[in-house]
Amino acid sequence: MVRATRSVMFSWVTDLLPVDATFRAVQDIALNEKAIASAESSIKTCEEELLKLEQIKPLDTGLLSIGATRQRAAFLLKKMRDAETKIEKLEEINLKLKKSLKVQKR
């Protein structure tokens, strides 16, 4: 016979939580919010670096220049585009999850 102690009860609850749709949706929303914040931070960092590149761009012009600022700017713009795409996808997923939570509450 198994006695219902705290460890047994917590074990039972922790086994059930991942199966619970509401719990899973709330956890997915929280995880997506963190990923969105990270992507937004990345975008801000890229914007700041692009502004700095704009200031040093005149140093990278002339006959012997290799266009390092253009290459770096292209990389940063691609990184920003990827982060923005990620944000849009995660916000769409969060919107669907929040709608499903509202439906489950009714």
PDB file of N, CA and C in Angstrom:
ATOM      1  N   MET A   1       0.838  -1.173   0.000  1.00  0.00           N
ATOM      2  CA  MET A   1       0.000   0.000   0.000  1.00  0.00           C
ATOM      3  C   MET A   1       0.892   1.248   0.000  1.00  0.00           C
ATOM      4  N   VAL A   2       0.513   2.221  -0.820  1.00  0.00           N
ATOM      5  CA  VAL A   2       1.264   3.463  -0.919  1.00  0.00           C
ATOM      6  C   VAL A   2       0.555   4.521  -0.105  1.00  0.00           C
ATOM      7  N   ARG A   3       1.295   5.114   0.797  1.00  0.00           N
ATOM      8  CA  ARG A   3       0.737   6.183   1.600  1.00  0.00           C
ATOM      9  C   ARG A   3       0.896   7.500   0.877  1.00  0.00           C
ATOM     10  N   ALA A   4      -0.128   8.326   0.872  1.00  0.00           N
ATOM     11  CA  ALA A   4      -0.109   9.601   0.167  1.00  0.00           C
ATOM     12  C   ALA A   4       0.700  10.621   0.957  1.00  0.00           C
ATOM     13  N   THR A   5       1.982  10.632   0.681  1.00  0.00           N
ATOM     14  CA  THR A   5       2.840  11.633   1.308  1.00  0.00           C
ATOM     15  C   THR A   5       3.071  12.755   0.310  1.00  0.00           C
ATOM     16  N   ARG A   6       3.747  13.786   0.749  1.00  0.00           N
ATOM     17  CA  ARG A   6       3.992  14.929  -0.136  1.00  0.00           C
ATOM     18  C   ARG A   6       4.752  14.526  -1.392  1.00  0.00           C
ATOM     19  N   SER A   7       5.786  13.720  -1.244  1.00  0.00           N
ATOM     20  CA  SER A   7       6.589  13.345  -2.399  1.00  0.00           C
ATOM     21  C   SER A   7       5.776  12.546  -3.408  1.00  0.00           C
ATOM     22  N   VAL A   8       4.905  11.676  -2.927  1.00  0.00           N
ATOM     23  CA  VAL A   8       4.053  10.908  -3.829  1.00  0.00           C
ATOM     24  C   VAL A   8       3.052  11.831  -4.518  1.00  0.00           C
ATOM     25  N   MET A   9       2.479  12.755  -3.766  1.00  0.00           N
ATOM     26  CA  MET A   9       1.495  13.671  -4.356  1.00  0.00           C
ATOM     27  C   MET A   9       2.158  14.604  -5.357  1.00  0.00           C
ATOM     28  N   PHE A  10       3.332  15.143  -5.029  1.00  0.00           N
ATOM     29  CA  PHE A  10       4.023  16.031  -5.960  1.00  0.00           C
ATOM     30  C   PHE A  10       4.439  15.285  -7.220  1.00  0.00           C
ATOM     31  N   SER A  11       4.859  14.062  -7.049  1.00  0.00           N
ATOM     32  CA  SER A  11       5.242  13.252  -8.202  1.00  0.00           C
ATOM     33  C   SER A  11       4.047  13.044  -9.123  1.00  0.00           C
ATOM     34  N   TRP A  12       2.912  12.762  -8.546  1.00  0.00           N
ATOM     35  CA  TRP A  12       1.696  12.545  -9.326  1.00  0.00           C
ATOM     36  C   TRP A  12       1.306  13.819 -10.073  1.00  0.00           C
ATOM     37  N   VAL A  13       1.385  14.959  -9.388  1.00  0.00           N
ATOM     38  CA  VAL A  13       1.036  16.240 -10.000  1.00  0.00           C
ATOM     39  C   VAL A  13       2.013  16.582 -11.116  1.00  0.00           C
ATOM     40  N   THR A  14       3.304  16.379 -10.873  1.00  0.00           N
ATOM     41  CA  THR A  14       4.283  16.716 -11.908  1.00  0.00           C
ATOM     42  C   THR A  14       4.175  15.787 -13.113  1.00  0.00           C
ATOM     43  N   ASP A  15       3.650  14.613 -12.924  1.00  0.00           N
ATOM     44  CA  ASP A  15       3.405  13.727 -14.069  1.00  0.00           C
ATOM     45  C   ASP A  15       2.217  14.212 -14.892  1.00  0.00           C
ATOM     46  N   LEU A  16       1.240  14.809 -14.231  1.00  0.00           N
ATOM     47  CA  LEU A  16       0.037  15.253 -14.926  1.00  0.00           C
ATOM     48  C   LEU A  16       0.184  16.631 -15.594  1.00  0.00           C
ATOM     49  N   LEU A  17       1.026  17.493 -15.056  1.00  0.00           N
ATOM     50  CA  LEU A  17       1.130  18.859 -15.567  1.00  0.00           C
ATOM     51  C   LEU A  17       1.475  18.952 -17.053  1.00  0.00           C
ATOM     52  N   PRO A  18       2.465  18.217 -17.573  1.00  0.00           N
ATOM     53  CA  PRO A  18       2.762  18.348 -18.999  1.00  0.00           C
ATOM     54  C   PRO A  18       1.615  17.905 -19.905  1.00  0.00           C
ATOM     55  N   VAL A  19       0.729  17.083 -19.395  1.00  0.00           N
ATOM     56  CA  VAL A  19      -0.401  16.610 -20.179  1.00  0.00           C
ATOM     57  C   VAL A  19      -1.532  17.637 -20.191  1.00  0.00           C
ATOM     58  N   ASP A  20      -1.595  18.470 -19.175  1.00  0.00           N
ATOM     59  CA  ASP A  20      -2.644  19.469 -19.046  1.00  0.00           C
ATOM     60  C   ASP A  20      -2.482  20.543 -20.123  1.00  0.00           C
ATOM     61  N   ALA A  21      -3.490  20.694 -20.966  1.00  0.00           N
ATOM     62  CA  ALA A  21      -3.421  21.624 -22.095  1.00  0.00           C
ATOM     63  C   ALA A  21      -3.297  23.077 -21.641  1.00  0.00           C
ATOM     64  N   THR A  22      -3.996  23.437 -20.587  1.00  0.00           N
ATOM     65  CA  THR A  22      -3.941  24.813 -20.086  1.00  0.00           C
ATOM     66  C   THR A  22      -2.544  25.136 -19.558  1.00  0.00           C
ATOM     67  N   PHE A  23      -2.005  24.244 -18.753  1.00  0.00           N
ATOM     68  CA  PHE A  23      -0.657  24.442 -18.218  1.00  0.00           C
ATOM     69  C   PHE A  23       0.360  24.547 -19.340  1.00  0.00           C
ATOM     70  N   ARG A  24       0.240  23.673 -20.308  1.00  0.00           N
ATOM     71  CA  ARG A  24       1.176  23.670 -21.443  1.00  0.00           C
ATOM     72  C   ARG A  24       1.086  24.973 -22.230  1.00  0.00           C
ATOM     73  N   ALA A  25      -0.128  25.451 -22.477  1.00  0.00           N
ATOM     74  CA  ALA A  25      -0.306  26.697 -23.216  1.00  0.00           C
ATOM     75  C   ALA A  25       0.301  27.879 -22.470  1.00  0.00           C
ATOM     76  N   VAL A  26       0.081  27.935 -21.168  1.00  0.00           N
ATOM     77  CA  VAL A  26       0.633  29.026 -20.363  1.00  0.00           C
ATOM     78  C   VAL A  26       2.167  28.984 -20.388  1.00  0.00           C
ATOM     79  N   GLN A  27       2.732  27.796 -20.277  1.00  0.00           N
ATOM     80  CA  GLN A  27       4.189  27.658 -20.312  1.00  0.00           C
ATOM     81  C   GLN A  27       4.751  28.021 -21.685  1.00  0.00           C
ATOM     82  N   ASP A  28       4.061  27.615 -22.749  1.00  0.00           N
ATOM     83  CA  ASP A  28       4.501  27.969 -24.107  1.00  0.00           C
ATOM     84  C   ASP A  28       4.452  29.478 -24.322  1.00  0.00           C
ATOM     85  N   ILE A  29       3.412  30.113 -23.819  1.00  0.00           N
ATOM     86  CA  ILE A  29       3.295  31.571 -23.938  1.00  0.00           C
ATOM     87  C   ILE A  29       4.457  32.248 -23.217  1.00  0.00           C
ATOM     88  N   ALA A  30       4.760  31.793 -22.016  1.00  0.00           N
ATOM     89  CA  ALA A  30       5.862  32.382 -21.240  1.00  0.00           C
ATOM     90  C   ALA A  30       7.197  32.190 -21.953  1.00  0.00           C
ATOM     91  N   LEU A  31       7.417  31.009 -22.495  1.00  0.00           N
ATOM     92  CA  LEU A  31       8.654  30.735 -23.218  1.00  0.00           C
ATOM     93  C   LEU A  31       8.756  31.598 -24.478  1.00  0.00           C
ATOM     94  N   ASN A  32       7.648  31.727 -25.192  1.00  0.00           N
ATOM     95  CA  ASN A  32       7.634  32.550 -26.404  1.00  0.00           C
ATOM     96  C   ASN A  32       7.878  34.019 -26.075  1.00  0.00           C
ATOM     97  N   GLU A  33       7.334  34.483 -24.948  1.00  0.00           N
ATOM     98  CA  GLU A  33       7.548  35.878 -24.548  1.00  0.00           C
ATOM     99  C   GLU A  33       9.026  36.147 -24.288  1.00  0.00           C
ATOM    100  N   LYS A  34       9.712  35.194 -23.673  1.00  0.00           N
ATOM    101  CA  LYS A  34      11.148  35.349 -23.440  1.00  0.00           C
ATOM    102  C   LYS A  34      11.910  35.373 -24.759  1.00  0.00           C
ATOM    103  N   ALA A  35      11.532  34.510 -25.691  1.00  0.00           N
ATOM    104  CA  ALA A  35      12.195  34.481 -26.997  1.00  0.00           C
ATOM    105  C   ALA A  35      11.933  35.774 -27.767  1.00  0.00           C
ATOM    106  N   ILE A  36      10.723  36.310 -27.648  1.00  0.00           N
ATOM    107  CA  ILE A  36      10.390  37.585 -28.303  1.00  0.00           C
ATOM    108  C   ILE A  36      11.234  38.710 -27.711  1.00  0.00           C
ATOM    109  N   ALA A  37      11.362  38.745 -26.398  1.00  0.00           N
ATOM    110  CA  ALA A  37      12.178  39.780 -25.745  1.00  0.00           C
ATOM    111  C   ALA A  37      13.636  39.681 -26.186  1.00  0.00           C
ATOM    112  N   SER A  38      14.127  38.473 -26.325  1.00  0.00           N
ATOM    113  CA  SER A  38      15.504  38.268 -26.771  1.00  0.00           C
ATOM    114  C   SER A  38      15.692  38.755 -28.207  1.00  0.00           C
ATOM    115  N   ALA A  39      14.741  38.448 -29.066  1.00  0.00           N
ATOM    116  CA  ALA A  39      14.826  38.878 -30.464  1.00  0.00           C
ATOM    117  C   ALA A  39      14.730  40.398 -30.573  1.00  0.00           C
ATOM    118  N   GLU A  40      13.866  41.005 -29.758  1.00  0.00           N
ATOM    119  CA  GLU A  40      13.753  42.470 -29.770  1.00  0.00           C
ATOM    120  C   GLU A  40      15.043  43.120 -29.286  1.00  0.00           C
ATOM    121  N   SER A  41      15.679  42.520 -28.297  1.00  0.00           N
ATOM    122  CA  SER A  41      16.964  43.022 -27.808  1.00  0.00           C
ATOM    123  C   SER A  41      18.025  42.923 -28.904  1.00  0.00           C
ATOM    124  N   SER A  42      17.998  41.831 -29.637  1.00  0.00           N
ATOM    125  CA  SER A  42      18.937  41.647 -30.739  1.00  0.00           C
ATOM    126  C   SER A  42      18.736  42.708 -31.814  1.00  0.00           C
ATOM    127  N   ILE A  43      17.483  43.020 -32.105  1.00  0.00           N
ATOM    128  CA  ILE A  43      17.177  44.049 -33.103  1.00  0.00           C
ATOM    129  C   ILE A  43      17.709  45.404 -32.646  1.00  0.00           C
ATOM    130  N   LYS A  44      17.492  45.737 -31.389  1.00  0.00           N
ATOM    131  CA  LYS A  44      17.979  47.027 -30.866  1.00  0.00           C
ATOM    132  C   LYS A  44      19.503  47.110 -30.938  1.00  0.00           C
ATOM    133  N   THR A  45      20.170  46.010 -30.614  1.00  0.00           N
ATOM    134  CA  THR A  45      21.628  45.984 -30.679  1.00  0.00           C
ATOM    135  C   THR A  45      22.110  46.190 -32.116  1.00  0.00           C
ATOM    136  N   CYS A  46      21.438  45.541 -33.054  1.00  0.00           N
ATOM    137  CA  CYS A  46      21.797  45.697 -34.467  1.00  0.00           C
ATOM    138  C   CYS A  46      21.559  47.131 -34.934  1.00  0.00           C
ATOM    139  N   GLU A  47      20.449  47.733 -34.500  1.00  0.00           N
ATOM    140  CA  GLU A  47      20.166  49.123 -34.871  1.00  0.00           C
ATOM    141  C   GLU A  47      21.267  50.048 -34.368  1.00  0.00           C
ATOM    142  N   GLU A  48      21.696  49.846 -33.131  1.00  0.00           N
ATOM    143  CA  GLU A  48      22.756  50.680 -32.562  1.00  0.00           C
ATOM    144  C   GLU A  48      24.060  50.521 -33.338  1.00  0.00           C
ATOM    145  N   GLU A  49      24.385  49.278 -33.698  1.00  0.00           N
ATOM    146  CA  GLU A  49      25.612  49.050 -34.443  1.00  0.00           C
ATOM    147  C   GLU A  49      25.525  49.648 -35.845  1.00  0.00           C
ATOM    148  N   LEU A  50      24.347  49.577 -36.459  1.00  0.00           N
ATOM    149  CA  LEU A  50      24.181  50.191 -37.781  1.00  0.00           C
ATOM    150  C   LEU A  50      24.387  51.702 -37.722  1.00  0.00           C
ATOM    151  N   LEU A  51      23.933  52.330 -36.653  1.00  0.00           N
ATOM    152  CA  LEU A  51      24.161  53.767 -36.490  1.00  0.00           C
ATOM    153  C   LEU A  51      25.648  54.076 -36.342  1.00  0.00           C
ATOM    154  N   LYS A  52      26.373  53.224 -35.613  1.00  0.00           N
ATOM    155  CA  LYS A  52      27.814  53.413 -35.482  1.00  0.00           C
ATOM    156  C   LYS A  52      28.520  53.214 -36.826  1.00  0.00           C
ATOM    157  N   LEU A  53      28.062  52.225 -37.590  1.00  0.00           N
ATOM    158  CA  LEU A  53      28.649  51.983 -38.907  1.00  0.00           C
ATOM    159  C   LEU A  53      28.439  53.175 -39.828  1.00  0.00           C
ATOM    160  N   GLU A  54      27.303  53.821 -39.698  1.00  0.00           N
ATOM    161  CA  GLU A  54      27.012  55.000 -40.515  1.00  0.00           C
ATOM    162  C   GLU A  54      28.019  56.107 -40.228  1.00  0.00           C
ATOM    163  N   GLN A  55      28.462  56.191 -38.994  1.00  0.00           N
ATOM    164  CA  GLN A  55      29.434  57.219 -38.618  1.00  0.00           C
ATOM    165  C   GLN A  55      30.837  56.913 -39.150  1.00  0.00           C
ATOM    166  N   ILE A  56      31.208  55.638 -39.237  1.00  0.00           N
ATOM    167  CA  ILE A  56      32.550  55.295 -39.708  1.00  0.00           C
ATOM    168  C   ILE A  56      32.591  54.962 -41.196  1.00  0.00           C
ATOM    169  N   LYS A  57      31.458  54.988 -41.839  1.00  0.00           N
ATOM    170  CA  LYS A  57      31.389  54.661 -43.270  1.00  0.00           C
ATOM    171  C   LYS A  57      32.331  55.519 -44.120  1.00  0.00           C
ATOM    172  N   PRO A  58      32.463  56.808 -43.853  1.00  0.00           N
ATOM    173  CA  PRO A  58      33.391  57.611 -44.672  1.00  0.00           C
ATOM    174  C   PRO A  58      34.841  57.109 -44.618  1.00  0.00           C
ATOM    175  N   LEU A  59      35.215  56.411 -43.561  1.00  0.00           N
ATOM    176  CA  LEU A  59      36.570  55.869 -43.462  1.00  0.00           C
ATOM    177  C   LEU A  59      36.773  54.667 -44.377  1.00  0.00           C
ATOM    178  N   ASP A  60      35.686  54.062 -44.814  1.00  0.00           N
ATOM    179  CA  ASP A  60      35.739  52.836 -45.631  1.00  0.00           C
ATOM    180  C   ASP A  60      35.394  53.143 -47.089  1.00  0.00           C
ATOM    181  N   THR A  61      35.752  54.291 -47.565  1.00  0.00           N
ATOM    182  CA  THR A  61      35.496  54.634 -48.962  1.00  0.00           C
ATOM    183  C   THR A  61      36.813  54.963 -49.633  1.00  0.00           C
ATOM    184  N   GLY A  62      36.816  54.883 -50.925  1.00  0.00           N
ATOM    185  CA  GLY A  62      38.028  55.195 -51.677  1.00  0.00           C
ATOM    186  C   GLY A  62      38.423  54.029 -52.558  1.00  0.00           C
ATOM    187  N   LEU A  63      39.539  54.194 -53.258  1.00  0.00           N
ATOM    188  CA  LEU A  63      39.989  53.183 -54.213  1.00  0.00           C
ATOM    189  C   LEU A  63      40.400  51.876 -53.560  1.00  0.00           C
ATOM    190  N   LEU A  64      41.022  51.946 -52.425  1.00  0.00           N
ATOM    191  CA  LEU A  64      41.554  50.747 -51.783  1.00  0.00           C
ATOM    192  C   LEU A  64      40.635  50.156 -50.720  1.00  0.00           C
ATOM    193  N   SER A  65      39.458  50.676 -50.587  1.00  0.00           N
ATOM    194  CA  SER A  65      38.549  50.171 -49.548  1.00  0.00           C
ATOM    195  C   SER A  65      37.989  48.809 -49.944  1.00  0.00           C
ATOM    196  N   ILE A  66      37.706  48.016 -48.950  1.00  0.00           N
ATOM    197  CA  ILE A  66      37.160  46.671 -49.204  1.00  0.00           C
ATOM    198  C   ILE A  66      35.668  46.603 -48.910  1.00  0.00           C
ATOM    199  N   GLY A  67      35.094  47.691 -48.451  1.00  0.00           N
ATOM    200  CA  GLY A  67      33.657  47.719 -48.184  1.00  0.00           C
ATOM    201  C   GLY A  67      33.245  46.939 -46.959  1.00  0.00           C
ATOM    202  N   ALA A  68      34.093  46.945 -45.952  1.00  0.00           N
ATOM    203  CA  ALA A  68      33.806  46.187 -44.727  1.00  0.00           C
ATOM    204  C   ALA A  68      32.533  46.678 -44.056  1.00  0.00           C
ATOM    205  N   THR A  69      32.302  47.984 -44.087  1.00  0.00           N
ATOM    206  CA  THR A  69      31.094  48.504 -43.440  1.00  0.00           C
ATOM    207  C   THR A  69      29.848  48.032 -44.180  1.00  0.00           C
ATOM    208  N   ARG A  70      29.931  47.946 -45.494  1.00  0.00           N
ATOM    209  CA  ARG A  70      28.764  47.441 -46.259  1.00  0.00           C
ATOM    210  C   ARG A  70      28.505  45.979 -45.952  1.00  0.00           C
ATOM    211  N   GLN A  71      29.579  45.196 -45.851  1.00  0.00           N
ATOM    212  CA  GLN A  71      29.419  43.779 -45.537  1.00  0.00           C
ATOM    213  C   GLN A  71      28.812  43.589 -44.149  1.00  0.00           C
ATOM    214  N   ARG A  72      29.320  44.355 -43.204  1.00  0.00           N
ATOM    215  CA  ARG A  72      28.803  44.249 -41.833  1.00  0.00           C
ATOM    216  C   ARG A  72      27.350  44.711 -41.771  1.00  0.00           C
ATOM    217  N   ALA A  73      27.044  45.785 -42.485  1.00  0.00           N
ATOM    218  CA  ALA A  73      25.666  46.284 -42.507  1.00  0.00           C
ATOM    219  C   ALA A  73      24.730  45.256 -43.118  1.00  0.00           C
ATOM    220  N   ALA A  74      25.162  44.605 -44.190  1.00  0.00           N
ATOM    221  CA  ALA A  74      24.329  43.576 -44.820  1.00  0.00           C
ATOM    222  C   ALA A  74      24.075  42.429 -43.847  1.00  0.00           C
ATOM    223  N   PHE A  75      25.115  42.031 -43.109  1.00  0.00           N
ATOM    224  CA  PHE A  75      24.959  40.970 -42.113  1.00  0.00           C
ATOM    225  C   PHE A  75      23.969  41.374 -41.027  1.00  0.00           C
ATOM    226  N   LEU A  76      24.113  42.599 -40.531  1.00  0.00           N
ATOM    227  CA  LEU A  76      23.227  43.077 -39.468  1.00  0.00           C
ATOM    228  C   LEU A  76      21.786  43.189 -39.946  1.00  0.00           C
ATOM    229  N   LEU A  77      21.592  43.633 -41.174  1.00  0.00           N
ATOM    230  CA  LEU A  77      20.228  43.735 -41.711  1.00  0.00           C
ATOM    231  C   LEU A  77      19.587  42.360 -41.849  1.00  0.00           C
ATOM    232  N   LYS A  78      20.382  41.369 -42.273  1.00  0.00           N
ATOM    233  CA  LYS A  78      19.850  40.002 -42.372  1.00  0.00           C
ATOM    234  C   LYS A  78      19.492  39.479 -40.980  1.00  0.00           C
ATOM    235  N   LYS A  79      20.358  39.750 -40.022  1.00  0.00           N
ATOM    236  CA  LYS A  79      20.102  39.316 -38.638  1.00  0.00           C
ATOM    237  C   LYS A  79      18.825  39.967 -38.102  1.00  0.00           C
ATOM    238  N   MET A  80      18.634  41.244 -38.395  1.00  0.00           N
ATOM    239  CA  MET A  80      17.424  41.950 -37.959  1.00  0.00           C
ATOM    240  C   MET A  80      16.185  41.370 -38.632  1.00  0.00           C
ATOM    241  N   ARG A  81      16.291  41.063 -39.923  1.00  0.00           N
ATOM    242  CA  ARG A  81      15.152  40.493 -40.658  1.00  0.00           C
ATOM    243  C   ARG A  81      14.769  39.137 -40.074  1.00  0.00           C
ATOM    244  N   ASP A  82      15.775  38.310 -39.775  1.00  0.00           N
ATOM    245  CA  ASP A  82      15.502  36.997 -39.183  1.00  0.00           C
ATOM    246  C   ASP A  82      14.836  37.126 -37.814  1.00  0.00           C
ATOM    247  N   ALA A  83      15.320  38.075 -37.016  1.00  0.00           N
ATOM    248  CA  ALA A  83      14.734  38.286 -35.683  1.00  0.00           C
ATOM    249  C   ALA A  83      13.297  38.780 -35.801  1.00  0.00           C
ATOM    250  N   GLU A  84      13.045  39.662 -36.746  1.00  0.00           N
ATOM    251  CA  GLU A  84      11.685  40.175 -36.936  1.00  0.00           C
ATOM    252  C   GLU A  84      10.733  39.068 -37.392  1.00  0.00           C
ATOM    253  N   THR A  85      11.212  38.210 -38.276  1.00  0.00           N
ATOM    254  CA  THR A  85      10.398  37.073 -38.718  1.00  0.00           C
ATOM    255  C   THR A  85      10.080  36.156 -37.541  1.00  0.00           C
ATOM    256  N   LYS A  86      11.073  35.927 -36.690  1.00  0.00           N
ATOM    257  CA  LYS A  86      10.876  35.085 -35.506  1.00  0.00           C
ATOM    258  C   LYS A  86       9.841  35.706 -34.575  1.00  0.00           C
ATOM    259  N   ILE A  87       9.929  37.014 -34.373  1.00  0.00           N
ATOM    260  CA  ILE A  87       8.966  37.706 -33.508  1.00  0.00           C
ATOM    261  C   ILE A  87       7.558  37.566 -34.058  1.00  0.00           C
ATOM    262  N   GLU A  88       7.396  37.771 -35.357  1.00  0.00           N
ATOM    263  CA  GLU A  88       6.067  37.671 -35.965  1.00  0.00           C
ATOM    264  C   GLU A  88       5.485  36.273 -35.784  1.00  0.00           C
ATOM    265  N   LYS A  89       6.294  35.243 -35.996  1.00  0.00           N
ATOM    266  CA  LYS A  89       5.821  33.861 -35.841  1.00  0.00           C
ATOM    267  C   LYS A  89       5.423  33.563 -34.395  1.00  0.00           C
ATOM    268  N   LEU A  90       6.281  33.982 -33.451  1.00  0.00           N
ATOM    269  CA  LEU A  90       6.000  33.708 -32.042  1.00  0.00           C
ATOM    270  C   LEU A  90       4.776  34.475 -31.551  1.00  0.00           C
ATOM    271  N   GLU A  91       4.600  35.698 -32.009  1.00  0.00           N
ATOM    272  CA  GLU A  91       3.411  36.461 -31.609  1.00  0.00           C
ATOM    273  C   GLU A  91       2.146  35.830 -32.178  1.00  0.00           C
ATOM    274  N   GLU A  92       2.241  35.295 -33.379  1.00  0.00           N
ATOM    275  CA  GLU A  92       1.087  34.606 -33.972  1.00  0.00           C
ATOM    276  C   GLU A  92       0.746  33.349 -33.167  1.00  0.00           C
ATOM    277  N   ILE A  93       1.769  32.606 -32.783  1.00  0.00           N
ATOM    278  CA  ILE A  93       1.550  31.409 -31.971  1.00  0.00           C
ATOM    279  C   ILE A  93       0.943  31.790 -30.626  1.00  0.00           C
ATOM    280  N   ASN A  94       1.475  32.845 -29.990  1.00  0.00           N
ATOM    281  CA  ASN A  94       0.933  33.291 -28.703  1.00  0.00           C
ATOM    282  C   ASN A  94      -0.524  33.719 -28.823  1.00  0.00           C
ATOM    283  N   LEU A  95      -0.860  34.386 -29.910  1.00  0.00           N
ATOM    284  CA  LEU A  95      -2.240  34.805 -30.128  1.00  0.00           C
ATOM    285  C   LEU A  95      -3.166  33.593 -30.197  1.00  0.00           C
ATOM    286  N   LYS A  96      -2.750  32.560 -30.919  1.00  0.00           N
ATOM    287  CA  LYS A  96      -3.547  31.335 -31.017  1.00  0.00           C
ATOM    288  C   LYS A  96      -3.668  30.652 -29.659  1.00  0.00           C
ATOM    289  N   LEU A  97      -2.555  30.610 -28.915  1.00  0.00           N
ATOM    290  CA  LEU A  97      -2.591  29.978 -27.596  1.00  0.00           C
ATOM    291  C   LEU A  97      -3.516  30.740 -26.643  1.00  0.00           C
ATOM    292  N   LYS A  98      -3.458  32.062 -26.687  1.00  0.00           N
ATOM    293  CA  LYS A  98      -4.323  32.864 -25.815  1.00  0.00           C
ATOM    294  C   LYS A  98      -5.791  32.681 -26.174  1.00  0.00           C
ATOM    295  N   LYS A  99      -6.075  32.564 -27.470  1.00  0.00           N
ATOM    296  CA  LYS A  99      -7.461  32.305 -27.891  1.00  0.00           C
ATOM    297  C   LYS A  99      -7.921  30.949 -27.392  1.00  0.00           C
ATOM    298  N   SER A 100      -7.048  29.952 -27.443  1.00  0.00           N
ATOM    299  CA  SER A 100      -7.426  28.616 -26.970  1.00  0.00           C
ATOM    300  C   SER A 100      -7.650  28.614 -25.463  1.00  0.00           C
ATOM    301  N   LEU A 101      -6.890  29.434 -24.736  1.00  0.00           N
ATOM    302  CA  LEU A 101      -7.110  29.544 -23.294  1.00  0.00           C
ATOM    303  C   LEU A 101      -8.462  30.169 -22.983  1.00  0.00           C
ATOM    304  N   LYS A 102      -8.836  31.188 -23.758  1.00  0.00           N
ATOM    305  CA  LYS A 102     -10.143  31.834 -23.549  1.00  0.00           C
ATOM    306  C   LYS A 102     -11.270  30.853 -23.831  1.00  0.00           C
ATOM    307  N   VAL A 103     -11.098  30.033 -24.857  1.00  0.00           N
ATOM    308  CA  VAL A 103     -12.132  29.056 -25.198  1.00  0.00           C
ATOM    309  C   VAL A 103     -12.243  28.007 -24.088  1.00  0.00           C
ATOM    310  N   GLN A 104     -11.122  27.577 -23.526  1.00  0.00           N
ATOM    311  CA  GLN A 104     -11.138  26.566 -22.470  1.00  0.00           C
ATOM    312  C   GLN A 104     -11.759  27.080 -21.185  1.00  0.00           C
ATOM    313  N   LYS A 105     -11.662  28.382 -20.910  1.00  0.00           N
ATOM    314  CA  LYS A 105     -12.218  28.952 -19.689  1.00  0.00           C
ATOM    315  C   LYS A 105     -13.738  28.982 -19.729  1.00  0.00           C
ATOM    316  N   ARG A 106     -14.309  29.029 -20.879  1.00  0.00           N
ATOM    317  CA  ARG A 106     -15.778  29.126 -20.987  1.00  0.00           C
ATOM    318  C   ARG A 106     -16.452  27.863 -20.647  1.00  0.00           C
TER     319      ARG A 106
END
